[in-house]
Structure formats: C-alpha cells, structure tokens
Amino acid sequence: MTSRLLLALGALSVGSVIAVSAPAQAQMPALNFDQAAYITCKEAHAMNPEARKALAVFLAEHSARVRGVVIPDGEQGAQLAHLVRGGCTLSPDAYLFTVVDRAILAELPKLPKRR
C-alpha cells in the first residue's frame, strides 16, 4: 500500500466531539481478527497513529483477501482511504472493519484481482 493510503487511514477523522474512555486508548491493537473486527471508528481514533494505521491496514488486507482483490498503490488506494475516513466521520460508532469492507465493496469493480 502506498504511503498516501497509510496517511489517509491514519488520519481517520471522527469529529472533535469524541469522549475518549481509558480502554479505548490502547497503544497497539491486538492484530487478531476476532478482536480487531469489533473496534469502532471512535475507538480507532483514540489510538496512537501507528496503532491506528496498523489496525486499518490489517483490516483492509483481510477484507481485500476475502473479496479476491488487492489494495493497489496510488490513487485507487488513496480513494479507498478517503472512503474509510468519510465513513468513520459520518458514523463514529460503526465498526471500523464494516467501514473498510464497505469501502472495498464500493470500489470492487475497479480494484485489481488477486493473482
């Protein structure tokens, strides 16, 4: 994935009215899908940038693998990141995986197939 995709995924914006709870401030997410799938956009936003990027990339790669596509470098990857950021801005209580998966699903016809 490109640095633009990582940058945009790292900048998940859920507004300025987020009340951060202590458990949501985890430094590094457990990159276990069963746990990562239930992290909300709000909780992801409360993470440090490196942890948030790692989580978003992990979820994007999982979804892309299941859908039979790859996350491309360049403008297509950046477009996916912008869709995720917009989805989390509109619905901070949504699970990040759902937002990521729906962004990939929306761009599915345009994404390169997995070899």
N, C-alpha and C. Protein backbone atom coordinates (compact mmCIF):
# COMPACT_ATOMS: atom_id res chain seq x y z
N MET A 1 0.85 -1.18 0.00
CA MET A 1 0.00 0.00 0.00
C MET A 1 0.88 1.23 0.00
N THR A 2 0.34 2.27 -0.54
CA THR A 2 1.15 3.47 -0.64
C THR A 2 1.16 4.24 0.66
N SER A 3 2.10 5.15 0.72
CA SER A 3 2.16 5.99 1.92
C SER A 3 0.94 6.91 1.97
N ARG A 4 0.36 7.26 0.81
CA ARG A 4 -0.85 8.08 0.81
C ARG A 4 -2.01 7.34 1.45
N LEU A 5 -2.13 6.05 1.16
CA LEU A 5 -3.19 5.25 1.78
C LEU A 5 -2.97 5.16 3.27
N LEU A 6 -1.73 4.89 3.69
CA LEU A 6 -1.44 4.82 5.12
C LEU A 6 -1.70 6.14 5.81
N LEU A 7 -1.33 7.23 5.15
CA LEU A 7 -1.54 8.55 5.73
C LEU A 7 -3.03 8.83 5.90
N ALA A 8 -3.81 8.53 4.88
CA ALA A 8 -5.25 8.79 4.96
C ALA A 8 -5.92 7.87 5.98
N LEU A 9 -5.52 6.60 6.01
CA LEU A 9 -6.08 5.69 7.00
C LEU A 9 -5.68 6.11 8.41
N GLY A 10 -4.49 6.62 8.55
CA GLY A 10 -4.02 7.08 9.85
C GLY A 10 -4.73 8.32 10.32
N ALA A 11 -5.33 9.05 9.40
CA ALA A 11 -5.99 10.30 9.74
C ALA A 11 -7.50 10.14 9.87
N LEU A 12 -7.96 8.96 10.22
CA LEU A 12 -9.39 8.73 10.40
C LEU A 12 -9.96 9.83 11.27
N SER A 13 -10.89 10.56 10.74
CA SER A 13 -11.44 11.69 11.47
C SER A 13 -12.87 11.39 11.88
N VAL A 14 -13.13 11.45 13.14
CA VAL A 14 -14.48 11.20 13.62
C VAL A 14 -15.03 12.42 14.34
N GLY A 15 -14.53 13.55 14.03
CA GLY A 15 -15.06 14.78 14.61
C GLY A 15 -14.33 15.17 15.87
N SER A 16 -14.68 16.32 16.35
CA SER A 16 -13.98 16.86 17.51
C SER A 16 -14.75 16.67 18.81
N VAL A 17 -15.84 15.93 18.76
CA VAL A 17 -16.66 15.78 19.96
C VAL A 17 -16.53 14.39 20.57
N ILE A 18 -15.38 13.76 20.40
CA ILE A 18 -15.21 12.40 20.89
C ILE A 18 -14.80 12.42 22.35
N ALA A 19 -15.53 11.69 23.14
CA ALA A 19 -15.15 11.49 24.54
C ALA A 19 -14.36 10.20 24.59
N VAL A 20 -13.12 10.28 24.97
CA VAL A 20 -12.24 9.13 24.94
C VAL A 20 -12.26 8.43 26.29
N SER A 21 -12.54 7.16 26.26
CA SER A 21 -12.50 6.38 27.50
C SER A 21 -11.13 5.76 27.65
N ALA A 22 -10.76 5.41 28.85
CA ALA A 22 -9.43 4.84 29.12
C ALA A 22 -9.17 3.56 28.33
N PRO A 23 -10.12 2.60 28.25
CA PRO A 23 -9.83 1.39 27.49
C PRO A 23 -9.63 1.66 26.00
N ALA A 24 -10.21 2.70 25.49
CA ALA A 24 -10.09 2.99 24.06
C ALA A 24 -8.74 3.56 23.70
N GLN A 25 -7.91 3.87 24.68
CA GLN A 25 -6.62 4.47 24.41
C GLN A 25 -5.51 3.42 24.33
N ALA A 26 -5.85 2.23 23.90
CA ALA A 26 -4.85 1.18 23.79
C ALA A 26 -3.74 1.62 22.84
N GLN A 27 -2.52 1.31 23.21
CA GLN A 27 -1.39 1.74 22.41
C GLN A 27 -1.27 0.94 21.12
N MET A 28 -1.43 -0.34 21.16
CA MET A 28 -1.29 -1.17 19.98
C MET A 28 -2.42 -2.17 19.96
N PRO A 29 -3.19 -2.22 18.87
CA PRO A 29 -4.29 -3.17 18.83
C PRO A 29 -3.77 -4.60 18.71
N ALA A 30 -4.51 -5.53 19.27
CA ALA A 30 -4.18 -6.93 19.06
C ALA A 30 -4.59 -7.25 17.63
N LEU A 31 -3.65 -7.63 16.80
CA LEU A 31 -3.99 -7.86 15.40
C LEU A 31 -4.52 -9.27 15.20
N ASN A 32 -5.53 -9.57 15.97
CA ASN A 32 -6.29 -10.80 15.90
C ASN A 32 -7.63 -10.39 15.30
N PHE A 33 -8.02 -11.01 14.20
CA PHE A 33 -9.22 -10.54 13.51
C PHE A 33 -10.45 -10.56 14.40
N ASP A 34 -10.61 -11.58 15.21
CA ASP A 34 -11.80 -11.67 16.06
C ASP A 34 -11.93 -10.48 17.00
N GLN A 35 -10.81 -9.93 17.45
CA GLN A 35 -10.86 -8.76 18.32
C GLN A 35 -10.87 -7.46 17.50
N ALA A 36 -10.08 -7.42 16.44
CA ALA A 36 -9.97 -6.21 15.62
C ALA A 36 -11.28 -5.86 14.92
N ALA A 37 -12.07 -6.86 14.59
CA ALA A 37 -13.31 -6.61 13.86
C ALA A 37 -14.33 -5.82 14.67
N TYR A 38 -14.18 -5.81 15.99
CA TYR A 38 -15.16 -5.13 16.84
C TYR A 38 -14.66 -3.80 17.40
N ILE A 39 -13.65 -3.25 16.82
CA ILE A 39 -13.16 -1.93 17.22
C ILE A 39 -13.92 -0.89 16.42
N THR A 40 -14.51 0.06 17.08
CA THR A 40 -15.27 1.09 16.39
C THR A 40 -14.34 2.17 15.84
N CYS A 41 -14.88 2.97 14.95
CA CYS A 41 -14.12 4.10 14.43
C CYS A 41 -13.69 5.03 15.57
N LYS A 42 -14.58 5.23 16.51
CA LYS A 42 -14.28 6.11 17.65
C LYS A 42 -13.10 5.56 18.46
N GLU A 43 -13.11 4.25 18.71
CA GLU A 43 -12.02 3.63 19.44
C GLU A 43 -10.72 3.69 18.65
N ALA A 44 -10.81 3.49 17.34
CA ALA A 44 -9.62 3.57 16.49
C ALA A 44 -9.04 4.98 16.50
N HIS A 45 -9.92 5.96 16.49
CA HIS A 45 -9.47 7.35 16.50
C HIS A 45 -8.72 7.68 17.79
N ALA A 46 -9.07 7.01 18.88
CA ALA A 46 -8.43 7.26 20.16
C ALA A 46 -7.05 6.60 20.27
N MET A 47 -6.72 5.72 19.34
CA MET A 47 -5.42 5.05 19.36
C MET A 47 -4.32 5.99 18.88
N ASN A 48 -3.09 5.64 19.19
CA ASN A 48 -1.99 6.43 18.64
C ASN A 48 -1.93 6.16 17.13
N PRO A 49 -1.37 7.07 16.36
CA PRO A 49 -1.40 6.96 14.89
C PRO A 49 -0.82 5.65 14.34
N GLU A 50 0.27 5.17 14.92
CA GLU A 50 0.88 3.94 14.41
C GLU A 50 -0.04 2.74 14.61
N ALA A 51 -0.65 2.66 15.77
CA ALA A 51 -1.57 1.56 16.07
C ALA A 51 -2.80 1.64 15.17
N ARG A 52 -3.31 2.84 14.98
CA ARG A 52 -4.49 3.04 14.12
C ARG A 52 -4.18 2.63 12.69
N LYS A 53 -3.01 3.02 12.18
CA LYS A 53 -2.62 2.64 10.82
C LYS A 53 -2.49 1.13 10.69
N ALA A 54 -1.83 0.52 11.67
CA ALA A 54 -1.64 -0.93 11.63
C ALA A 54 -2.99 -1.65 11.64
N LEU A 55 -3.90 -1.20 12.46
CA LEU A 55 -5.23 -1.80 12.53
C LEU A 55 -5.97 -1.63 11.20
N ALA A 56 -5.98 -0.43 10.65
CA ALA A 56 -6.70 -0.16 9.40
C ALA A 56 -6.11 -0.97 8.25
N VAL A 57 -4.81 -1.06 8.17
CA VAL A 57 -4.16 -1.83 7.11
C VAL A 57 -4.46 -3.32 7.28
N PHE A 58 -4.40 -3.81 8.51
CA PHE A 58 -4.73 -5.21 8.79
C PHE A 58 -6.14 -5.54 8.33
N LEU A 59 -7.09 -4.69 8.68
CA LEU A 59 -8.49 -4.92 8.29
C LEU A 59 -8.68 -4.80 6.78
N ALA A 60 -8.03 -3.85 6.16
CA ALA A 60 -8.14 -3.67 4.70
C ALA A 60 -7.56 -4.88 3.96
N GLU A 61 -6.42 -5.36 4.42
CA GLU A 61 -5.82 -6.53 3.78
C GLU A 61 -6.70 -7.76 3.96
N HIS A 62 -7.29 -7.91 5.13
CA HIS A 62 -8.19 -9.05 5.36
C HIS A 62 -9.40 -8.98 4.43
N SER A 63 -10.03 -7.83 4.36
CA SER A 63 -11.20 -7.67 3.51
C SER A 63 -10.85 -7.88 2.04
N ALA A 64 -9.75 -7.32 1.61
CA ALA A 64 -9.33 -7.47 0.21
C ALA A 64 -9.07 -8.93 -0.13
N ARG A 65 -8.44 -9.64 0.80
CA ARG A 65 -8.15 -11.06 0.59
C ARG A 65 -9.45 -11.86 0.45
N VAL A 66 -10.42 -11.59 1.31
CA VAL A 66 -11.70 -12.28 1.26
C VAL A 66 -12.45 -11.96 -0.04
N ARG A 67 -12.35 -10.73 -0.50
CA ARG A 67 -13.04 -10.29 -1.72
C ARG A 67 -12.28 -10.65 -2.99
N GLY A 68 -11.06 -11.18 -2.86
CA GLY A 68 -10.30 -11.61 -4.04
C GLY A 68 -9.65 -10.48 -4.81
N VAL A 69 -9.34 -9.40 -4.11
CA VAL A 69 -8.69 -8.26 -4.76
C VAL A 69 -7.47 -7.86 -3.94
N VAL A 70 -6.70 -6.92 -4.48
CA VAL A 70 -5.58 -6.36 -3.74
C VAL A 70 -5.81 -4.86 -3.59
N ILE A 71 -5.26 -4.31 -2.54
CA ILE A 71 -5.31 -2.87 -2.34
C ILE A 71 -4.17 -2.28 -3.16
N PRO A 72 -4.50 -1.51 -4.19
CA PRO A 72 -3.44 -1.00 -5.08
C PRO A 72 -2.72 0.21 -4.51
N ASP A 73 -1.55 0.44 -5.04
CA ASP A 73 -0.81 1.66 -4.75
C ASP A 73 -1.43 2.79 -5.56
N GLY A 74 -1.11 3.98 -5.19
CA GLY A 74 -1.53 5.13 -5.99
C GLY A 74 -2.91 5.65 -5.65
N GLU A 75 -3.53 6.21 -6.66
CA GLU A 75 -4.79 6.92 -6.49
C GLU A 75 -5.93 6.00 -6.03
N GLN A 76 -5.98 4.76 -6.51
CA GLN A 76 -7.05 3.85 -6.09
C GLN A 76 -6.97 3.54 -4.60
N GLY A 77 -5.78 3.31 -4.11
CA GLY A 77 -5.61 3.06 -2.68
C GLY A 77 -5.97 4.27 -1.84
N ALA A 78 -5.59 5.45 -2.34
CA ALA A 78 -5.94 6.69 -1.63
C ALA A 78 -7.44 6.90 -1.62
N GLN A 79 -8.11 6.55 -2.72
CA GLN A 79 -9.57 6.68 -2.78
C GLN A 79 -10.24 5.81 -1.72
N LEU A 80 -9.75 4.59 -1.55
CA LEU A 80 -10.29 3.72 -0.51
C LEU A 80 -10.12 4.34 0.87
N ALA A 81 -8.96 4.89 1.11
CA ALA A 81 -8.70 5.51 2.41
C ALA A 81 -9.63 6.69 2.65
N HIS A 82 -9.89 7.47 1.61
CA HIS A 82 -10.81 8.60 1.77
C HIS A 82 -12.24 8.13 2.05
N LEU A 83 -12.64 7.03 1.42
CA LEU A 83 -13.97 6.47 1.70
C LEU A 83 -14.06 6.01 3.16
N VAL A 84 -13.00 5.39 3.65
CA VAL A 84 -12.99 4.93 5.05
C VAL A 84 -13.05 6.13 5.99
N ARG A 85 -12.25 7.11 5.73
CA ARG A 85 -12.24 8.31 6.59
C ARG A 85 -13.61 8.98 6.59
N GLY A 86 -14.23 9.10 5.42
CA GLY A 86 -15.57 9.69 5.35
C GLY A 86 -16.61 8.86 6.08
N GLY A 87 -16.53 7.54 5.92
CA GLY A 87 -17.48 6.66 6.61
C GLY A 87 -17.36 6.75 8.12
N CYS A 88 -16.13 6.85 8.60
CA CYS A 88 -15.92 6.97 10.05
C CYS A 88 -16.34 8.34 10.56
N THR A 89 -16.19 9.35 9.73
CA THR A 89 -16.64 10.69 10.12
C THR A 89 -18.15 10.72 10.27
N LEU A 90 -18.84 10.08 9.33
CA LEU A 90 -20.31 10.07 9.37
C LEU A 90 -20.87 9.16 10.45
N SER A 91 -20.15 8.09 10.75
CA SER A 91 -20.67 7.12 11.71
C SER A 91 -19.55 6.63 12.64
N PRO A 92 -19.18 7.44 13.63
CA PRO A 92 -18.07 7.06 14.51
C PRO A 92 -18.33 5.82 15.36
N ASP A 93 -19.58 5.45 15.53
CA ASP A 93 -19.88 4.26 16.33
C ASP A 93 -19.90 2.98 15.49
N ALA A 94 -19.68 3.10 14.19
CA ALA A 94 -19.62 1.92 13.32
C ALA A 94 -18.32 1.17 13.57
N TYR A 95 -18.36 -0.12 13.35
CA TYR A 95 -17.14 -0.91 13.44
C TYR A 95 -16.23 -0.53 12.28
N LEU A 96 -14.97 -0.31 12.57
CA LEU A 96 -14.01 0.08 11.54
C LEU A 96 -13.97 -0.96 10.43
N PHE A 97 -14.04 -2.25 10.77
CA PHE A 97 -14.00 -3.27 9.73
C PHE A 97 -15.17 -3.14 8.76
N THR A 98 -16.34 -2.83 9.28
CA THR A 98 -17.50 -2.66 8.41
C THR A 98 -17.28 -1.51 7.44
N VAL A 99 -16.75 -0.41 7.93
CA VAL A 99 -16.49 0.75 7.08
C VAL A 99 -15.44 0.40 6.02
N VAL A 100 -14.38 -0.27 6.42
CA VAL A 100 -13.32 -0.66 5.49
C VAL A 100 -13.87 -1.62 4.44
N ASP A 101 -14.61 -2.63 4.87
CA ASP A 101 -15.15 -3.63 3.96
C ASP A 101 -16.13 -3.00 2.97
N ARG A 102 -16.96 -2.09 3.43
CA ARG A 102 -17.91 -1.44 2.52
C ARG A 102 -17.21 -0.53 1.52
N ALA A 103 -16.12 0.10 1.94
CA ALA A 103 -15.34 0.92 1.01
C ALA A 103 -14.74 0.04 -0.08
N ILE A 104 -14.21 -1.11 0.31
CA ILE A 104 -13.65 -2.04 -0.68
C ILE A 104 -14.75 -2.58 -1.58
N LEU A 105 -15.88 -2.89 -1.02
CA LEU A 105 -17.01 -3.38 -1.80
C LEU A 105 -17.48 -2.33 -2.81
N ALA A 106 -17.50 -1.06 -2.40
CA ALA A 106 -17.92 0.01 -3.30
C ALA A 106 -16.95 0.17 -4.48
N GLU A 107 -15.68 -0.09 -4.25
CA GLU A 107 -14.66 0.07 -5.29
C GLU A 107 -14.29 -1.26 -5.94
N LEU A 108 -14.96 -2.34 -5.60
CA LEU A 108 -14.61 -3.69 -6.05
C LEU A 108 -14.42 -3.82 -7.56
N PRO A 109 -15.32 -3.29 -8.38
CA PRO A 109 -15.12 -3.45 -9.83
C PRO A 109 -13.86 -2.76 -10.36
N LYS A 110 -13.36 -1.77 -9.64
CA LYS A 110 -12.19 -1.02 -10.08
C LYS A 110 -10.87 -1.59 -9.54
N LEU A 111 -10.95 -2.49 -8.57
CA LEU A 111 -9.74 -2.99 -7.92
C LEU A 111 -9.15 -4.17 -8.69
N PRO A 112 -7.81 -4.27 -8.72
CA PRO A 112 -7.18 -5.40 -9.40
C PRO A 112 -7.45 -6.71 -8.65
N LYS A 113 -7.66 -7.75 -9.43
CA LYS A 113 -7.93 -9.07 -8.86
C LYS A 113 -6.65 -9.66 -8.28
N ARG A 114 -6.82 -10.46 -7.26
CA ARG A 114 -5.71 -11.15 -6.60
C ARG A 114 -5.22 -12.25 -7.54
N ARG A 115 -3.92 -12.42 -7.63
CA ARG A 115 -3.34 -13.46 -8.50
C ARG A 115 -3.19 -14.75 -7.79
